[in-house]
């Protein structure tokens, strides 16, 4: 069975795309985002317009921080450094 990270890398059955402040995009699975984050769980279940959209623009944090968090959601691994710890918390 393929790991979640492999499914994301291959964009297999992704159902949402996160658009980051630097205009890069991350294809994701809503169910993974919801399971990993109360923020996304609330977004997708509360009736907010973002919950029904395919492309969700995220502009509340640095693109690298969002990429790090999404990778953590899929792999369970995260590299904490002096440079990113404050923003991640």
N, C-alpha and C. Protein backbone atom coordinates (compact mmCIF):
# COMPACT_ATOMS: atom_id res chain seq x y z
N UNK A 1 0.84 -1.19 0.00
CA UNK A 1 0.00 0.00 0.00
C UNK A 1 0.88 1.25 0.00
N UNK A 2 0.54 2.21 -0.81
CA UNK A 2 1.34 3.43 -0.92
C UNK A 2 1.14 4.29 0.32
N UNK A 3 2.20 4.97 0.71
CA UNK A 3 2.10 5.88 1.84
C UNK A 3 1.30 7.11 1.44
N UNK A 4 0.79 7.82 2.43
CA UNK A 4 0.05 9.05 2.14
C UNK A 4 0.91 10.04 1.37
N UNK A 5 2.19 10.11 1.75
CA UNK A 5 3.08 11.06 1.09
C UNK A 5 3.23 10.73 -0.38
N UNK A 6 3.32 9.46 -0.71
CA UNK A 6 3.43 9.05 -2.12
C UNK A 6 2.16 9.41 -2.88
N UNK A 7 0.99 9.25 -2.23
CA UNK A 7 -0.26 9.61 -2.89
C UNK A 7 -0.31 11.10 -3.17
N UNK A 8 0.21 11.90 -2.24
CA UNK A 8 0.23 13.34 -2.45
C UNK A 8 1.23 13.71 -3.54
N UNK A 9 2.43 13.14 -3.48
CA UNK A 9 3.46 13.45 -4.48
C UNK A 9 2.97 13.16 -5.89
N UNK A 10 2.24 12.06 -6.05
CA UNK A 10 1.74 11.67 -7.37
C UNK A 10 0.41 12.34 -7.70
N UNK A 11 -0.09 13.16 -6.75
CA UNK A 11 -1.37 13.85 -6.90
C UNK A 11 -2.50 12.86 -7.18
N UNK A 12 -2.43 11.68 -6.54
CA UNK A 12 -3.42 10.64 -6.73
C UNK A 12 -4.67 10.96 -5.91
N UNK A 13 -5.76 11.22 -6.61
CA UNK A 13 -7.06 11.49 -6.00
C UNK A 13 -7.07 12.68 -5.05
N UNK A 14 -6.21 13.65 -5.30
CA UNK A 14 -6.27 14.88 -4.50
C UNK A 14 -7.57 15.60 -4.82
N UNK A 15 -8.13 16.27 -3.81
CA UNK A 15 -9.41 16.93 -4.03
C UNK A 15 -9.41 18.41 -3.63
N UNK A 16 -8.24 18.94 -3.28
CA UNK A 16 -8.12 20.35 -2.96
C UNK A 16 -6.69 20.79 -3.24
N UNK A 17 -6.52 22.03 -3.63
CA UNK A 17 -5.20 22.59 -3.87
C UNK A 17 -5.03 23.82 -3.01
N UNK A 18 -3.97 23.84 -2.22
CA UNK A 18 -3.65 24.99 -1.39
C UNK A 18 -2.79 25.94 -2.21
N UNK A 19 -3.22 27.18 -2.33
CA UNK A 19 -2.48 28.22 -3.04
C UNK A 19 -1.78 29.07 -1.99
N UNK A 20 -0.46 29.09 -2.05
CA UNK A 20 0.34 29.75 -1.02
C UNK A 20 0.66 31.19 -1.37
N UNK A 21 1.12 31.97 -0.38
CA UNK A 21 1.44 33.39 -0.64
C UNK A 21 2.42 33.62 -1.78
N UNK A 22 3.34 32.68 -2.01
CA UNK A 22 4.30 32.84 -3.11
C UNK A 22 3.72 32.35 -4.45
N UNK A 23 2.42 32.04 -4.45
CA UNK A 23 1.67 31.57 -5.62
C UNK A 23 2.00 30.13 -6.01
N UNK A 24 2.79 29.43 -5.22
CA UNK A 24 2.98 28.00 -5.47
C UNK A 24 1.73 27.27 -5.00
N UNK A 25 1.59 26.02 -5.41
CA UNK A 25 0.39 25.25 -5.10
C UNK A 25 0.76 23.88 -4.55
N UNK A 26 -0.05 23.41 -3.61
CA UNK A 26 0.15 22.09 -3.03
C UNK A 26 -1.15 21.29 -3.18
N UNK A 27 -1.17 20.28 -4.04
CA UNK A 27 -2.35 19.41 -4.14
C UNK A 27 -2.44 18.55 -2.87
N UNK A 28 -3.63 18.45 -2.31
CA UNK A 28 -3.81 17.71 -1.05
C UNK A 28 -5.12 16.93 -1.06
N UNK A 29 -5.29 16.18 0.00
CA UNK A 29 -6.52 15.44 0.25
C UNK A 29 -7.21 16.09 1.45
N UNK A 30 -8.46 16.49 1.28
CA UNK A 30 -9.19 17.13 2.38
C UNK A 30 -9.18 16.27 3.64
N UNK A 31 -9.38 14.99 3.47
CA UNK A 31 -9.46 14.10 4.63
C UNK A 31 -8.15 14.10 5.43
N UNK A 32 -7.02 14.18 4.77
CA UNK A 32 -5.73 14.23 5.46
C UNK A 32 -5.59 15.55 6.20
N UNK A 33 -5.93 16.65 5.53
CA UNK A 33 -5.85 17.96 6.18
C UNK A 33 -6.77 18.02 7.40
N UNK A 34 -7.98 17.49 7.26
CA UNK A 34 -8.94 17.51 8.36
C UNK A 34 -8.48 16.65 9.54
N UNK A 35 -7.90 15.51 9.25
CA UNK A 35 -7.45 14.62 10.32
C UNK A 35 -6.26 15.21 11.08
N UNK A 36 -5.45 15.99 10.38
CA UNK A 36 -4.22 16.51 10.98
C UNK A 36 -4.38 17.87 11.64
N UNK A 37 -5.43 18.61 11.28
CA UNK A 37 -5.49 20.00 11.71
C UNK A 37 -6.91 20.44 12.05
N UNK A 38 -7.13 20.91 13.28
CA UNK A 38 -8.45 21.46 13.63
C UNK A 38 -8.82 22.66 12.74
N UNK A 39 -7.83 23.41 12.28
CA UNK A 39 -8.08 24.54 11.38
C UNK A 39 -8.78 24.06 10.11
N UNK A 40 -8.21 23.04 9.47
CA UNK A 40 -8.80 22.54 8.23
C UNK A 40 -10.10 21.78 8.50
N UNK A 41 -10.18 21.07 9.59
CA UNK A 41 -11.41 20.36 9.95
C UNK A 41 -12.57 21.36 10.05
N UNK A 42 -12.33 22.46 10.75
CA UNK A 42 -13.36 23.49 10.87
C UNK A 42 -13.69 24.11 9.52
N UNK A 43 -12.66 24.40 8.74
CA UNK A 43 -12.87 25.02 7.43
C UNK A 43 -13.78 24.17 6.55
N UNK A 44 -13.50 22.87 6.50
CA UNK A 44 -14.22 22.02 5.57
C UNK A 44 -15.59 21.58 6.08
N UNK A 45 -15.82 21.66 7.38
CA UNK A 45 -17.10 21.21 7.92
C UNK A 45 -18.04 22.32 8.37
N UNK A 46 -17.57 23.56 8.39
CA UNK A 46 -18.37 24.64 8.96
C UNK A 46 -19.25 25.36 7.95
N UNK A 47 -19.17 24.99 6.70
CA UNK A 47 -19.96 25.67 5.69
C UNK A 47 -19.30 26.92 5.13
N UNK A 48 -18.04 27.16 5.50
CA UNK A 48 -17.32 28.29 4.91
C UNK A 48 -17.16 28.07 3.41
N UNK A 49 -17.10 29.15 2.65
CA UNK A 49 -17.00 29.02 1.19
C UNK A 49 -15.77 28.23 0.79
N UNK A 50 -14.67 28.34 1.57
CA UNK A 50 -13.44 27.60 1.23
C UNK A 50 -13.65 26.10 1.24
N UNK A 51 -14.56 25.64 2.07
CA UNK A 51 -14.82 24.21 2.17
C UNK A 51 -15.36 23.60 0.90
N UNK A 52 -15.98 24.42 0.06
CA UNK A 52 -16.56 23.92 -1.19
C UNK A 52 -15.69 24.20 -2.40
N UNK A 53 -14.62 24.94 -2.21
CA UNK A 53 -13.77 25.32 -3.34
C UNK A 53 -12.66 24.30 -3.57
N UNK A 54 -12.24 24.19 -4.82
CA UNK A 54 -11.13 23.32 -5.20
C UNK A 54 -9.79 23.96 -4.86
N UNK A 55 -9.67 25.27 -5.06
CA UNK A 55 -8.44 26.00 -4.77
C UNK A 55 -8.65 26.90 -3.57
N UNK A 56 -7.81 26.73 -2.57
CA UNK A 56 -7.93 27.51 -1.34
C UNK A 56 -6.68 28.35 -1.16
N UNK A 57 -6.89 29.66 -1.16
CA UNK A 57 -5.77 30.58 -1.01
C UNK A 57 -5.46 30.75 0.47
N UNK A 58 -4.22 30.45 0.83
CA UNK A 58 -3.76 30.62 2.21
C UNK A 58 -2.75 31.75 2.23
N UNK A 59 -3.06 32.81 2.94
CA UNK A 59 -2.13 33.93 2.98
C UNK A 59 -1.85 34.37 4.41
N UNK A 60 -2.07 33.47 5.35
CA UNK A 60 -1.89 33.80 6.76
C UNK A 60 -0.51 33.47 7.30
N UNK A 61 0.30 32.82 6.52
CA UNK A 61 1.63 32.42 6.99
C UNK A 61 2.58 32.35 5.80
N UNK A 62 3.85 32.25 6.11
CA UNK A 62 4.90 32.12 5.12
C UNK A 62 4.72 30.81 4.33
N UNK A 63 4.97 30.85 3.06
CA UNK A 63 4.82 29.67 2.20
C UNK A 63 5.64 28.48 2.69
N UNK A 64 6.88 28.73 3.11
CA UNK A 64 7.73 27.63 3.58
C UNK A 64 7.16 26.98 4.83
N UNK A 65 6.56 27.77 5.71
CA UNK A 65 5.97 27.22 6.92
C UNK A 65 4.77 26.35 6.57
N UNK A 66 3.92 26.81 5.66
CA UNK A 66 2.77 26.01 5.25
C UNK A 66 3.23 24.71 4.60
N UNK A 67 4.25 24.78 3.74
CA UNK A 67 4.78 23.57 3.10
C UNK A 67 5.31 22.59 4.14
N UNK A 68 5.99 23.11 5.15
CA UNK A 68 6.53 22.26 6.22
C UNK A 68 5.40 21.57 6.98
N UNK A 69 4.34 22.31 7.28
CA UNK A 69 3.21 21.73 7.99
C UNK A 69 2.49 20.67 7.16
N UNK A 70 2.27 20.95 5.90
CA UNK A 70 1.59 19.97 5.05
C UNK A 70 2.44 18.71 4.91
N UNK A 71 3.73 18.86 4.77
CA UNK A 71 4.60 17.68 4.71
C UNK A 71 4.50 16.88 6.01
N UNK A 72 4.45 17.59 7.13
CA UNK A 72 4.27 16.92 8.42
C UNK A 72 2.95 16.16 8.48
N UNK A 73 1.87 16.77 7.96
CA UNK A 73 0.58 16.11 7.96
C UNK A 73 0.64 14.77 7.23
N UNK A 74 1.41 14.73 6.15
CA UNK A 74 1.48 13.51 5.33
C UNK A 74 2.52 12.51 5.82
N UNK A 75 3.60 12.97 6.41
CA UNK A 75 4.69 12.06 6.76
C UNK A 75 4.85 11.81 8.26
N UNK A 76 4.41 12.75 9.07
CA UNK A 76 4.63 12.65 10.51
C UNK A 76 6.02 13.11 10.91
N UNK A 77 6.80 13.56 9.95
CA UNK A 77 8.16 14.04 10.21
C UNK A 77 8.22 15.55 10.04
N UNK A 78 9.00 16.19 10.91
CA UNK A 78 9.16 17.63 10.81
C UNK A 78 10.55 17.99 11.32
N UNK A 79 11.17 18.94 10.65
CA UNK A 79 12.48 19.42 11.07
C UNK A 79 12.29 20.77 11.76
N UNK A 80 12.54 20.78 13.05
CA UNK A 80 12.44 22.01 13.82
C UNK A 80 13.81 22.65 13.92
N UNK A 81 13.85 23.94 13.59
CA UNK A 81 15.10 24.69 13.65
C UNK A 81 14.85 25.99 14.41
N UNK A 82 15.93 26.66 14.74
CA UNK A 82 15.78 27.98 15.37
C UNK A 82 15.02 28.94 14.46
N UNK A 83 15.17 28.76 13.16
CA UNK A 83 14.55 29.64 12.20
C UNK A 83 13.07 29.41 11.98
N UNK A 84 12.57 28.19 12.28
CA UNK A 84 11.16 27.92 11.99
C UNK A 84 10.30 27.61 13.21
N UNK A 85 10.91 27.37 14.34
CA UNK A 85 10.14 26.91 15.50
C UNK A 85 9.07 27.89 15.94
N UNK A 86 9.40 29.17 15.99
CA UNK A 86 8.44 30.17 16.45
C UNK A 86 7.23 30.24 15.51
N UNK A 87 7.46 30.25 14.22
CA UNK A 87 6.37 30.34 13.25
C UNK A 87 5.52 29.07 13.26
N UNK A 88 6.14 27.92 13.45
CA UNK A 88 5.39 26.66 13.46
C UNK A 88 4.50 26.55 14.69
N UNK A 89 4.99 27.05 15.80
CA UNK A 89 4.19 26.99 17.03
C UNK A 89 3.05 27.95 16.91
